[in-house]
PDB file of N, CA and C in Angstrom:
ATOM      1  N   MET A   1      13.875  23.357   8.299  1.00  0.00           N
ATOM      2  CA  MET A   1      14.731  22.210   8.536  1.00  0.00           C
ATOM      3  C   MET A   1      16.198  22.738   8.680  1.00  0.00           C
ATOM      4  N   ALA A   2      16.875  22.190   9.663  1.00  0.00           N
ATOM      5  CA  ALA A   2      18.276  22.565   9.836  1.00  0.00           C
ATOM      6  C   ALA A   2      19.063  21.298   9.994  1.00  0.00           C
ATOM      7  N   LYS A   3      20.393  21.365   9.614  1.00  0.00           N
ATOM      8  CA  LYS A   3      21.215  20.151   9.588  1.00  0.00           C
ATOM      9  C   LYS A   3      22.586  20.467  10.121  1.00  0.00           C
ATOM     10  N   LEU A   4      23.132  19.507  10.882  1.00  0.00           N
ATOM     11  CA  LEU A   4      24.450  19.571  11.433  1.00  0.00           C
ATOM     12  C   LEU A   4      25.174  18.276  11.138  1.00  0.00           C
ATOM     13  N   GLU A   5      26.380  18.324  10.664  1.00  0.00           N
ATOM     14  CA  GLU A   5      27.172  17.117  10.490  1.00  0.00           C
ATOM     15  C   GLU A   5      28.555  17.307  11.153  1.00  0.00           C
ATOM     16  N   ALA A   6      29.055  16.213  11.735  1.00  0.00           N
ATOM     17  CA  ALA A   6      30.341  16.294  12.448  1.00  0.00           C
ATOM     18  C   ALA A   6      30.980  14.904  12.470  1.00  0.00           C
ATOM     19  N   SER A   7      32.281  14.847  12.712  1.00  0.00           N
ATOM     20  CA  SER A   7      32.991  13.593  12.900  1.00  0.00           C
ATOM     21  C   SER A   7      33.766  13.684  14.228  1.00  0.00           C
ATOM     22  N   LEU A   8      33.717  12.680  14.989  1.00  0.00           N
ATOM     23  CA  LEU A   8      34.440  12.635  16.326  1.00  0.00           C
ATOM     24  C   LEU A   8      35.282  11.356  16.420  1.00  0.00           C
ATOM     25  N   SER A   9      36.327  11.495  17.153  1.00  0.00           N
ATOM     26  CA  SER A   9      37.152  10.326  17.480  1.00  0.00           C
ATOM     27  C   SER A   9      36.699   9.875  18.893  1.00  0.00           C
ATOM     28  N   GLY A  10      36.666   8.595  19.140  1.00  0.00           N
ATOM     29  CA  GLY A  10      36.335   8.069  20.423  1.00  0.00           C
ATOM     30  C   GLY A  10      35.497   6.847  20.337  1.00  0.00           C
ATOM     31  N   ASP A  11      35.101   6.325  21.477  1.00  0.00           N
ATOM     32  CA  ASP A  11      34.285   5.125  21.524  1.00  0.00           C
ATOM     33  C   ASP A  11      32.867   5.396  21.055  1.00  0.00           C
ATOM     34  N   PHE A  12      32.442   4.570  20.101  1.00  0.00           N
ATOM     35  CA  PHE A  12      31.116   4.802  19.486  1.00  0.00           C
ATOM     36  C   PHE A  12      29.975   4.902  20.523  1.00  0.00           C
ATOM     37  N   TYR A  13      29.877   3.911  21.369  1.00  0.00           N
ATOM     38  CA  TYR A  13      28.794   3.852  22.312  1.00  0.00           C
ATOM     39  C   TYR A  13      28.866   4.954  23.367  1.00  0.00           C
ATOM     40  N   SER A  14      30.057   5.336  23.735  1.00  0.00           N
ATOM     41  CA  SER A  14      30.185   6.470  24.665  1.00  0.00           C
ATOM     42  C   SER A  14      29.692   7.766  24.086  1.00  0.00           C
ATOM     43  N   ILE A  15      29.972   7.963  22.799  1.00  0.00           N
ATOM     44  CA  ILE A  15      29.494   9.154  22.120  1.00  0.00           C
ATOM     45  C   ILE A  15      27.969   9.156  22.009  1.00  0.00           C
ATOM     46  N   VAL A  16      27.410   8.037  21.626  1.00  0.00           N
ATOM     47  CA  VAL A  16      25.977   7.874  21.500  1.00  0.00           C
ATOM     48  C   VAL A  16      25.288   8.142  22.822  1.00  0.00           C
ATOM     49  N   ASN A  17      25.842   7.531  23.872  1.00  0.00           N
ATOM     50  CA  ASN A  17      25.233   7.692  25.229  1.00  0.00           C
ATOM     51  C   ASN A  17      25.387   9.146  25.721  1.00  0.00           C
ATOM     52  N   ALA A  18      26.495   9.823  25.448  1.00  0.00           N
ATOM     53  CA  ALA A  18      26.663  11.195  25.838  1.00  0.00           C
ATOM     54  C   ALA A  18      25.694  12.096  25.175  1.00  0.00           C
ATOM     55  N   VAL A  19      25.395  11.833  23.886  1.00  0.00           N
ATOM     56  CA  VAL A  19      24.384  12.628  23.187  1.00  0.00           C
ATOM     57  C   VAL A  19      23.021  12.309  23.711  1.00  0.00           C
ATOM     58  N   ASP A  20      22.722  11.069  23.888  1.00  0.00           N
ATOM     59  CA  ASP A  20      21.391  10.678  24.468  1.00  0.00           C
ATOM     60  C   ASP A  20      21.093  11.477  25.732  1.00  0.00           C
ATOM     61  N   LEU A  21      22.034  11.352  26.656  1.00  0.00           N
ATOM     62  CA  LEU A  21      21.844  12.024  27.986  1.00  0.00           C
ATOM     63  C   LEU A  21      21.870  13.531  27.880  1.00  0.00           C
ATOM     64  N   GLY A  22      22.758  14.043  27.050  1.00  0.00           N
ATOM     65  CA  GLY A  22      22.893  15.496  26.938  1.00  0.00           C
ATOM     66  C   GLY A  22      21.623  16.135  26.314  1.00  0.00           C
ATOM     67  N   ILE A  23      21.050  15.544  25.297  1.00  0.00           N
ATOM     68  CA  ILE A  23      19.866  16.107  24.678  1.00  0.00           C
ATOM     69  C   ILE A  23      18.706  16.044  25.653  1.00  0.00           C
ATOM     70  N   GLN A  24      18.490  14.884  26.349  1.00  0.00           N
ATOM     71  CA  GLN A  24      17.428  14.767  27.236  1.00  0.00           C
ATOM     72  C   GLN A  24      17.505  15.704  28.490  1.00  0.00           C
ATOM     73  N   GLU A  25      18.736  16.022  28.868  1.00  0.00           N
ATOM     74  CA  GLU A  25      18.941  16.938  30.005  1.00  0.00           C
ATOM     75  C   GLU A  25      18.911  18.414  29.534  1.00  0.00           C
ATOM     76  N   SER A  26      18.923  18.692  28.237  1.00  0.00           N
ATOM     77  CA  SER A  26      19.013  20.029  27.744  1.00  0.00           C
ATOM     78  C   SER A  26      17.684  20.793  27.868  1.00  0.00           C
ATOM     79  N   SER A  27      16.593  20.101  28.057  1.00  0.00           N
ATOM     80  CA  SER A  27      15.295  20.777  28.100  1.00  0.00           C
ATOM     81  C   SER A  27      14.321  19.880  28.904  1.00  0.00           C
ATOM     82  N   ILE A  28      13.486  20.527  29.666  1.00  0.00           N
ATOM     83  CA  ILE A  28      12.485  19.747  30.484  1.00  0.00           C
ATOM     84  C   ILE A  28      11.503  18.984  29.578  1.00  0.00           C
ATOM     85  N   SER A  29      11.307  19.472  28.319  1.00  0.00           N
ATOM     86  CA  SER A  29      10.362  18.854  27.419  1.00  0.00           C
ATOM     87  C   SER A  29      11.030  17.880  26.450  1.00  0.00           C
ATOM     88  N   ALA A  30      12.375  17.831  26.439  1.00  0.00           N
ATOM     89  CA  ALA A  30      13.086  16.929  25.545  1.00  0.00           C
ATOM     90  C   ALA A  30      12.873  15.439  25.869  1.00  0.00           C
ATOM     91  N   SER A  31      12.611  14.661  24.863  1.00  0.00           N
ATOM     92  CA  SER A  31      12.446  13.236  25.104  1.00  0.00           C
ATOM     93  C   SER A  31      12.971  12.422  23.886  1.00  0.00           C
ATOM     94  N   LEU A  32      13.437  11.218  24.251  1.00  0.00           N
ATOM     95  CA  LEU A  32      13.842  10.282  23.189  1.00  0.00           C
ATOM     96  C   LEU A  32      12.580   9.527  22.734  1.00  0.00           C
ATOM     97  N   GLU A  33      12.180   9.745  21.531  1.00  0.00           N
ATOM     98  CA  GLU A  33      10.967   9.185  21.016  1.00  0.00           C
ATOM     99  C   GLU A  33      11.150   7.736  20.557  1.00  0.00           C
ATOM    100  N   ASP A  34      12.305   7.455  19.927  1.00  0.00           N
ATOM    101  CA  ASP A  34      12.617   6.050  19.504  1.00  0.00           C
ATOM    102  C   ASP A  34      14.043   6.008  19.099  1.00  0.00           C
ATOM    103  N   SER A  35      14.529   4.776  18.977  1.00  0.00           N
ATOM    104  CA  SER A  35      15.953   4.545  18.613  1.00  0.00           C
ATOM    105  C   SER A  35      16.109   3.244  17.903  1.00  0.00           C
ATOM    106  N   SER A  36      17.191   3.130  17.197  1.00  0.00           N
ATOM    107  CA  SER A  36      17.516   1.897  16.473  1.00  0.00           C
ATOM    108  C   SER A  36      19.092   1.767  16.446  1.00  0.00           C
ATOM    109  N   ASP A  37      19.572   0.551  16.799  1.00  0.00           N
ATOM    110  CA  ASP A  37      20.971   0.296  16.821  1.00  0.00           C
ATOM    111  C   ASP A  37      21.274  -1.005  16.055  1.00  0.00           C
ATOM    112  N   PHE A  38      22.211  -0.969  15.163  1.00  0.00           N
ATOM    113  CA  PHE A  38      22.627  -2.164  14.456  1.00  0.00           C
ATOM    114  C   PHE A  38      24.061  -2.135  14.049  1.00  0.00           C
ATOM    115  N   SER A  39      24.611  -3.284  13.771  1.00  0.00           N
ATOM    116  CA  SER A  39      26.030  -3.358  13.322  1.00  0.00           C
ATOM    117  C   SER A  39      26.128  -4.437  12.268  1.00  0.00           C
ATOM    118  N   TYR A  40      27.165  -4.276  11.486  1.00  0.00           N
ATOM    119  CA  TYR A  40      27.517  -5.232  10.443  1.00  0.00           C
ATOM    120  C   TYR A  40      29.014  -5.315  10.359  1.00  0.00           C
ATOM    121  N   GLY A  41      29.543  -6.468  10.865  1.00  0.00           N
ATOM    122  CA  GLY A  41      30.978  -6.571  10.945  1.00  0.00           C
ATOM    123  C   GLY A  41      31.549  -5.548  11.937  1.00  0.00           C
ATOM    124  N   ASP A  42      32.466  -4.775  11.508  1.00  0.00           N
ATOM    125  CA  ASP A  42      33.074  -3.713  12.358  1.00  0.00           C
ATOM    126  C   ASP A  42      32.335  -2.389  12.208  1.00  0.00           C
ATOM    127  N   SER A  43      31.285  -2.301  11.385  1.00  0.00           N
ATOM    128  CA  SER A  43      30.572  -1.048  11.191  1.00  0.00           C
ATOM    129  C   SER A  43      29.394  -0.985  12.162  1.00  0.00           C
ATOM    130  N   ARG A  44      29.101   0.239  12.651  1.00  0.00           N
ATOM    131  CA  ARG A  44      28.011   0.417  13.591  1.00  0.00           C
ATOM    132  C   ARG A  44      27.178   1.632  13.147  1.00  0.00           C
ATOM    133  N   CYS A  45      25.897   1.566  13.407  1.00  0.00           N
ATOM    134  CA  CYS A  45      24.992   2.619  13.117  1.00  0.00           C
ATOM    135  C   CYS A  45      23.910   2.713  14.210  1.00  0.00           C
ATOM    136  N   SER A  46      23.666   3.897  14.682  1.00  0.00           N
ATOM    137  CA  SER A  46      22.616   4.181  15.624  1.00  0.00           C
ATOM    138  C   SER A  46      21.799   5.338  15.174  1.00  0.00           C
ATOM    139  N   VAL A  47      20.459   5.252  15.316  1.00  0.00           N
ATOM    140  CA  VAL A  47      19.609   6.371  14.947  1.00  0.00           C
ATOM    141  C   VAL A  47      18.759   6.703  16.149  1.00  0.00           C
ATOM    142  N   ARG A  48      18.620   8.032  16.396  1.00  0.00           N
ATOM    143  CA  ARG A  48      17.876   8.570  17.534  1.00  0.00           C
ATOM    144  C   ARG A  48      16.873   9.575  16.991  1.00  0.00           C
ATOM    145  N   VAL A  49      15.658   9.559  17.555  1.00  0.00           N
ATOM    146  CA  VAL A  49      14.670  10.633  17.243  1.00  0.00           C
ATOM    147  C   VAL A  49      14.273  11.211  18.560  1.00  0.00           C
ATOM    148  N   PHE A  50      14.553  12.546  18.690  1.00  0.00           N
ATOM    149  CA  PHE A  50      14.239  13.278  19.852  1.00  0.00           C
ATOM    150  C   PHE A  50      13.140  14.282  19.492  1.00  0.00           C
ATOM    151  N   GLU A  51      12.414  14.699  20.508  1.00  0.00           N
ATOM    152  CA  GLU A  51      11.391  15.723  20.338  1.00  0.00           C
ATOM    153  C   GLU A  51      11.414  16.622  21.537  1.00  0.00           C
ATOM    154  N   ARG A  52      11.036  17.876  21.307  1.00  0.00           N
ATOM    155  CA  ARG A  52      10.918  18.834  22.403  1.00  0.00           C
ATOM    156  C   ARG A  52       9.947  19.942  22.001  1.00  0.00           C
ATOM    157  N   TYR A  53       9.459  20.632  23.019  1.00  0.00           N
ATOM    158  CA  TYR A  53       8.600  21.803  22.763  1.00  0.00           C
ATOM    159  C   TYR A  53       9.445  23.028  22.522  1.00  0.00           C
ATOM    160  N   SER A  54       9.126  23.787  21.535  1.00  0.00           N
ATOM    161  CA  SER A  54       9.813  25.060  21.230  1.00  0.00           C
ATOM    162  C   SER A  54       8.957  26.240  21.713  1.00  0.00           C
ATOM    163  N   TYR A  55       9.409  26.904  22.767  1.00  0.00           N
ATOM    164  CA  TYR A  55       8.691  28.063  23.229  1.00  0.00           C
ATOM    165  C   TYR A  55       8.655  29.207  22.224  1.00  0.00           C
ATOM    166  N   THR A  56       9.773  29.402  21.484  1.00  0.00           N
ATOM    167  CA  THR A  56       9.788  30.444  20.541  1.00  0.00           C
ATOM    168  C   THR A  56       8.829  30.207  19.305  1.00  0.00           C
ATOM    169  N   GLY A  57       8.725  28.974  18.919  1.00  0.00           N
ATOM    170  CA  GLY A  57       7.849  28.625  17.845  1.00  0.00           C
ATOM    171  C   GLY A  57       6.432  28.250  18.215  1.00  0.00           C
ATOM    172  N   GLY A  58       6.284  27.914  19.521  1.00  0.00           N
ATOM    173  CA  GLY A  58       4.947  27.502  20.003  1.00  0.00           C
ATOM    174  C   GLY A  58       4.520  26.171  19.451  1.00  0.00           C
ATOM    175  N   ASN A  59       5.481  25.251  19.227  1.00  0.00           N
ATOM    176  CA  ASN A  59       5.137  23.967  18.681  1.00  0.00           C
ATOM    177  C   ASN A  59       6.200  22.954  19.086  1.00  0.00           C
ATOM    178  N   ARG A  60       6.026  21.748  18.638  1.00  0.00           N
ATOM    179  CA  ARG A  60       7.045  20.680  18.909  1.00  0.00           C
ATOM    180  C   ARG A  60       8.019  20.568  17.737  1.00  0.00           C
ATOM    181  N   VAL A  61       9.241  20.307  18.052  1.00  0.00           N
ATOM    182  CA  VAL A  61      10.322  20.155  17.065  1.00  0.00           C
ATOM    183  C   VAL A  61      10.939  18.777  17.247  1.00  0.00           C
ATOM    184  N   SER A  62      11.241  18.103  16.141  1.00  0.00           N
ATOM    185  CA  SER A  62      11.907  16.808  16.243  1.00  0.00           C
ATOM    186  C   SER A  62      13.373  16.936  15.706  1.00  0.00           C
ATOM    187  N   MET A  63      14.215  16.051  16.190  1.00  0.00           N
ATOM    188  CA  MET A  63      15.610  15.969  15.739  1.00  0.00           C
ATOM    189  C   MET A  63      15.942  14.485  15.516  1.00  0.00           C
ATOM    190  N   ASN A  64      16.394  14.184  14.358  1.00  0.00           N
ATOM    191  CA  ASN A  64      16.815  12.839  13.985  1.00  0.00           C
ATOM    192  C   ASN A  64      18.337  12.871  13.927  1.00  0.00           C
ATOM    193  N   ILE A  65      18.973  11.982  14.695  1.00  0.00           N
ATOM    194  CA  ILE A  65      20.439  11.944  14.722  1.00  0.00           C
ATOM    195  C   ILE A  65      20.843  10.562  14.312  1.00  0.00           C
ATOM    196  N   THR A  66      21.766  10.477  13.327  1.00  0.00           N
ATOM    197  CA  THR A  66      22.313   9.207  12.869  1.00  0.00           C
ATOM    198  C   THR A  66      23.806   9.220  13.197  1.00  0.00           C
ATOM    199  N   PHE A  67      24.300   8.175  13.862  1.00  0.00           N
ATOM    200  CA  PHE A  67      25.691   7.939  14.201  1.00  0.00           C
ATOM    201  C   PHE A  67      26.165   6.782  13.352  1.00  0.00           C
ATOM    202  N   PHE A  68      27.355   6.939  12.743  1.00  0.00           N
ATOM    203  CA  PHE A  68      27.859   5.863  11.921  1.00  0.00           C
ATOM    204  C   PHE A  68      29.377   5.775  12.106  1.00  0.00           C
ATOM    205  N   GLN A  69      29.838   4.514  12.275  1.00  0.00           N
ATOM    206  CA  GLN A  69      31.278   4.300  12.375  1.00  0.00           C
ATOM    207  C   GLN A  69      31.585   3.035  11.543  1.00  0.00           C
ATOM    208  N   ALA A  70      32.563   3.183  10.639  1.00  0.00           N
ATOM    209  CA  ALA A  70      32.978   2.059   9.840  1.00  0.00           C
ATOM    210  C   ALA A  70      34.395   1.628  10.260  1.00  0.00           C
ATOM    211  N   GLN A  71      34.532   0.359  10.509  1.00  0.00           N
ATOM    212  CA  GLN A  71      35.869  -0.253  10.784  1.00  0.00           C
ATOM    213  C   GLN A  71      36.663   0.533  11.823  1.00  0.00           C
ATOM    214  N   SER A  72      36.045   0.820  12.932  1.00  0.00           N
ATOM    215  CA  SER A  72      36.682   1.464  14.096  1.00  0.00           C
ATOM    216  C   SER A  72      37.314   2.828  13.803  1.00  0.00           C
ATOM    217  N   GLY A  73      36.767   3.475  12.747  1.00  0.00           N
ATOM    218  CA  GLY A  73      37.228   4.843  12.416  1.00  0.00           C
ATOM    219  C   GLY A  73      36.493   5.895  13.229  1.00  0.00           C
ATOM    220  N   LYS A  74      36.465   7.110  12.678  1.00  0.00           N
ATOM    221  CA  LYS A  74      35.746   8.169  13.303  1.00  0.00           C
ATOM    222  C   LYS A  74      34.253   7.905  13.340  1.00  0.00           C
ATOM    223  N   VAL A  75      33.627   8.559  14.326  1.00  0.00           N
ATOM    224  CA  VAL A  75      32.178   8.401  14.457  1.00  0.00           C
ATOM    225  C   VAL A  75      31.565   9.625  13.666  1.00  0.00           C
ATOM    226  N   HIS A  76      30.834   9.336  12.707  1.00  0.00           N
ATOM    227  CA  HIS A  76      30.177  10.440  11.880  1.00  0.00           C
ATOM    228  C   HIS A  76      28.753  10.638  12.393  1.00  0.00           C
ATOM    229  N   ILE A  77      28.426  11.898  12.585  1.00  0.00           N
ATOM    230  CA  ILE A  77      27.127  12.284  13.111  1.00  0.00           C
ATOM    231  C   ILE A  77      26.401  13.157  12.124  1.00  0.00           C
ATOM    232  N   SER A  78      25.167  12.852  11.816  1.00  0.00           N
ATOM    233  CA  SER A  78      24.352  13.655  10.947  1.00  0.00           C
ATOM    234  C   SER A  78      23.000  13.906  11.666  1.00  0.00           C
ATOM    235  N   ALA A  79      22.656  15.162  11.915  1.00  0.00           N
ATOM    236  CA  ALA A  79      21.466  15.502  12.656  1.00  0.00           C
ATOM    237  C   ALA A  79      20.610  16.436  11.803  1.00  0.00           C
ATOM    238  N   ILE A  80      19.341  16.181  11.762  1.00  0.00           N
ATOM    239  CA  ILE A  80      18.415  16.999  10.996  1.00  0.00           C
ATOM    240  C   ILE A  80      17.178  17.257  11.891  1.00  0.00           C
ATOM    241  N   THR A  81      16.839  18.559  12.016  1.00  0.00           N
ATOM    242  CA  THR A  81      15.620  18.952  12.786  1.00  0.00           C
ATOM    243  C   THR A  81      14.505  19.271  11.855  1.00  0.00           C
ATOM    244  N   SER A  82      13.302  19.135  12.387  1.00  0.00           N
ATOM    245  CA  SER A  82      12.109  19.400  11.566  1.00  0.00           C
ATOM    246  C   SER A  82      10.942  19.739  12.518  1.00  0.00           C
ATOM    247  N   GLY A  83       9.944  20.427  11.895  1.00  0.00           N
ATOM    248  CA  GLY A  83       8.694  20.704  12.590  1.00  0.00           C
ATOM    249  C   GLY A  83       8.663  22.035  13.295  1.00  0.00           C
ATOM    250  N   GLY A  84       9.587  22.926  13.046  1.00  0.00           N
ATOM    251  CA  GLY A  84       9.627  24.158  13.700  1.00  0.00           C
ATOM    252  C   GLY A  84       8.889  25.298  13.025  1.00  0.00           C
ATOM    253  N   SER A  85       8.179  25.020  11.963  1.00  0.00           N
ATOM    254  CA  SER A  85       7.487  26.085  11.244  1.00  0.00           C
ATOM    255  C   SER A  85       5.965  26.054  11.444  1.00  0.00           C
ATOM    256  N   GLN A  86       5.316  27.196  11.392  1.00  0.00           N
ATOM    257  CA  GLN A  86       3.867  27.234  11.550  1.00  0.00           C
ATOM    258  C   GLN A  86       3.165  27.545  10.257  1.00  0.00           C
ATOM    259  N   ALA A  87       3.932  27.791   9.179  1.00  0.00           N
ATOM    260  CA  ALA A  87       3.320  28.167   7.892  1.00  0.00           C
ATOM    261  C   ALA A  87       2.736  26.952   7.207  1.00  0.00           C
ATOM    262  N   VAL A  88       1.766  27.216   6.277  1.00  0.00           N
ATOM    263  CA  VAL A  88       1.189  26.142   5.515  1.00  0.00           C
ATOM    264  C   VAL A  88       1.998  25.739   4.315  1.00  0.00           C
ATOM    265  N   PHE A  89       2.530  26.674   3.524  1.00  0.00           N
ATOM    266  CA  PHE A  89       3.185  26.368   2.281  1.00  0.00           C
ATOM    267  C   PHE A  89       4.668  26.599   2.256  1.00  0.00           C
ATOM    268  N   PHE A  90       5.207  27.369   3.226  1.00  0.00           N
ATOM    269  CA  PHE A  90       6.659  27.559   3.289  1.00  0.00           C
ATOM    270  C   PHE A  90       7.064  27.841   4.759  1.00  0.00           C
ATOM    271  N   LYS A  91       8.315  27.701   5.016  1.00  0.00           N
ATOM    272  CA  LYS A  91       8.809  27.911   6.378  1.00  0.00           C
ATOM    273  C   LYS A  91       9.031  29.407   6.683  1.00  0.00           C
ATOM    274  N   ILE A  92       8.446  29.833   7.815  1.00  0.00           N
ATOM    275  CA  ILE A  92       8.667  31.250   8.193  1.00  0.00           C
ATOM    276  C   ILE A  92       9.263  31.333   9.565  1.00  0.00           C
ATOM    277  N   ASN A  93       9.387  30.219  10.320  1.00  0.00           N
ATOM    278  CA  ASN A  93       9.924  30.254  11.639  1.00  0.00           C
ATOM    279  C   ASN A  93      10.686  29.008  11.896  1.00  0.00           C
ATOM    280  N   THR A  94      11.974  29.106  11.818  1.00  0.00           N
ATOM    281  CA  THR A  94      12.836  27.919  12.133  1.00  0.00           C
ATOM    282  C   THR A  94      13.686  28.073  13.361  1.00  0.00           C
ATOM    283  N   TRP A  95      13.357  29.037  14.189  1.00  0.00           N
ATOM    284  CA  TRP A  95      14.163  29.312  15.410  1.00  0.00           C
ATOM    285  C   TRP A  95      14.205  28.123  16.327  1.00  0.00           C
ATOM    286  N   GLY A  96      13.077  27.436  16.461  1.00  0.00           N
ATOM    287  CA  GLY A  96      13.036  26.241  17.329  1.00  0.00           C
ATOM    288  C   GLY A  96      13.911  25.125  16.842  1.00  0.00           C
ATOM    289  N   GLU A  97      13.943  24.949  15.517  1.00  0.00           N
ATOM    290  CA  GLU A  97      14.822  23.909  14.921  1.00  0.00           C
ATOM    291  C   GLU A  97      16.289  24.266  15.197  1.00  0.00           C
ATOM    292  N   GLU A  98      16.667  25.511  14.927  1.00  0.00           N
ATOM    293  CA  GLU A  98      18.064  25.885  15.127  1.00  0.00           C
ATOM    294  C   GLU A  98      18.449  25.818  16.565  1.00  0.00           C
ATOM    295  N   ALA A  99      17.562  26.198  17.468  1.00  0.00           N
ATOM    296  CA  ALA A  99      17.864  26.152  18.916  1.00  0.00           C
ATOM    297  C   ALA A  99      18.072  24.696  19.413  1.00  0.00           C
ATOM    298  N   PHE A 100      17.254  23.770  18.879  1.00  0.00           N
ATOM    299  CA  PHE A 100      17.414  22.350  19.226  1.00  0.00           C
ATOM    300  C   PHE A 100      18.747  21.838  18.699  1.00  0.00           C
ATOM    301  N   LEU A 101      19.113  22.206  17.497  1.00  0.00           N
ATOM    302  CA  LEU A 101      20.386  21.797  16.907  1.00  0.00           C
ATOM    303  C   LEU A 101      21.549  22.384  17.657  1.00  0.00           C
ATOM    304  N   ASP A 102      21.430  23.592  18.194  1.00  0.00           N
ATOM    305  CA  ASP A 102      22.459  24.233  19.024  1.00  0.00           C
ATOM    306  C   ASP A 102      22.754  23.411  20.281  1.00  0.00           C
ATOM    307  N   LYS A 103      21.791  22.764  20.835  1.00  0.00           N
ATOM    308  CA  LYS A 103      22.000  21.890  22.004  1.00  0.00           C
ATOM    309  C   LYS A 103      22.957  20.743  21.669  1.00  0.00           C
ATOM    310  N   LEU A 104      22.708  20.154  20.448  1.00  0.00           N
ATOM    311  CA  LEU A 104      23.604  19.062  20.012  1.00  0.00           C
ATOM    312  C   LEU A 104      24.974  19.612  19.680  1.00  0.00           C
ATOM    313  N   ARG A 105      25.065  20.798  19.098  1.00  0.00           N
ATOM    314  CA  ARG A 105      26.342  21.422  18.788  1.00  0.00           C
ATOM    315  C   ARG A 105      27.199  21.632  20.021  1.00  0.00           C
ATOM    316  N   ASP A 106      26.506  22.036  21.133  1.00  0.00           N
ATOM    317  CA  ASP A 106      27.229  22.203  22.401  1.00  0.00           C
ATOM    318  C   ASP A 106      27.786  20.884  22.903  1.00  0.00           C
ATOM    319  N   ILE A 107      27.004  19.841  22.784  1.00  0.00           N
ATOM    320  CA  ILE A 107      27.432  18.516  23.250  1.00  0.00           C
ATOM    321  C   ILE A 107      28.637  18.009  22.479  1.00  0.00           C
ATOM    322  N   ILE A 108      28.536  18.161  21.154  1.00  0.00           N
ATOM    323  CA  ILE A 108      29.615  17.758  20.272  1.00  0.00           C
ATOM    324  C   ILE A 108      30.897  18.537  20.591  1.00  0.00           C
ATOM    325  N   ASP A 109      30.802  19.797  20.814  1.00  0.00           N
ATOM    326  CA  ASP A 109      31.970  20.611  21.161  1.00  0.00           C
ATOM    327  C   ASP A 109      32.620  20.111  22.448  1.00  0.00           C
ATOM    328  N   LYS A 110      31.859  19.646  23.398  1.00  0.00           N
ATOM    329  CA  LYS A 110      32.384  19.165  24.651  1.00  0.00           C
ATOM    330  C   LYS A 110      33.071  17.755  24.457  1.00  0.00           C
ATOM    331  N   LEU A 111      32.619  17.041  23.472  1.00  0.00           N
ATOM    332  CA  LEU A 111      33.187  15.722  23.186  1.00  0.00           C
ATOM    333  C   LEU A 111      34.459  15.762  22.377  1.00  0.00           C
ATOM    334  N   LYS A 112      34.726  16.893  21.729  1.00  0.00           N
ATOM    335  CA  LYS A 112      35.936  16.954  20.900  1.00  0.00           C
ATOM    336  C   LYS A 112      37.222  16.950  21.745  1.00  0.00           C
TER     337      LYS A 112
END
């Protein structure tokens, strides 16, 4: 499991859409598996679950991204990857998880 957290200034939905598009274009096997969007007053939250095939790990890796903005402040992003290990009792190969997270890191860097 790998995790990335960041905060960005900008329009909430523009950031979510840029990440959606960027992740899906980052790999031929990347797909948006499901999403959820809701708001309460001035607060917004969006959750995305992506999946892709990891050639290095020989398996599929998922990435859950949560976007949160309270009262028109910064957009907080928390992303966690999972599924990149082939071991039964402990993780021995997390390259695929880190590589998937690196795609998001690149997108965030461009949005800064």
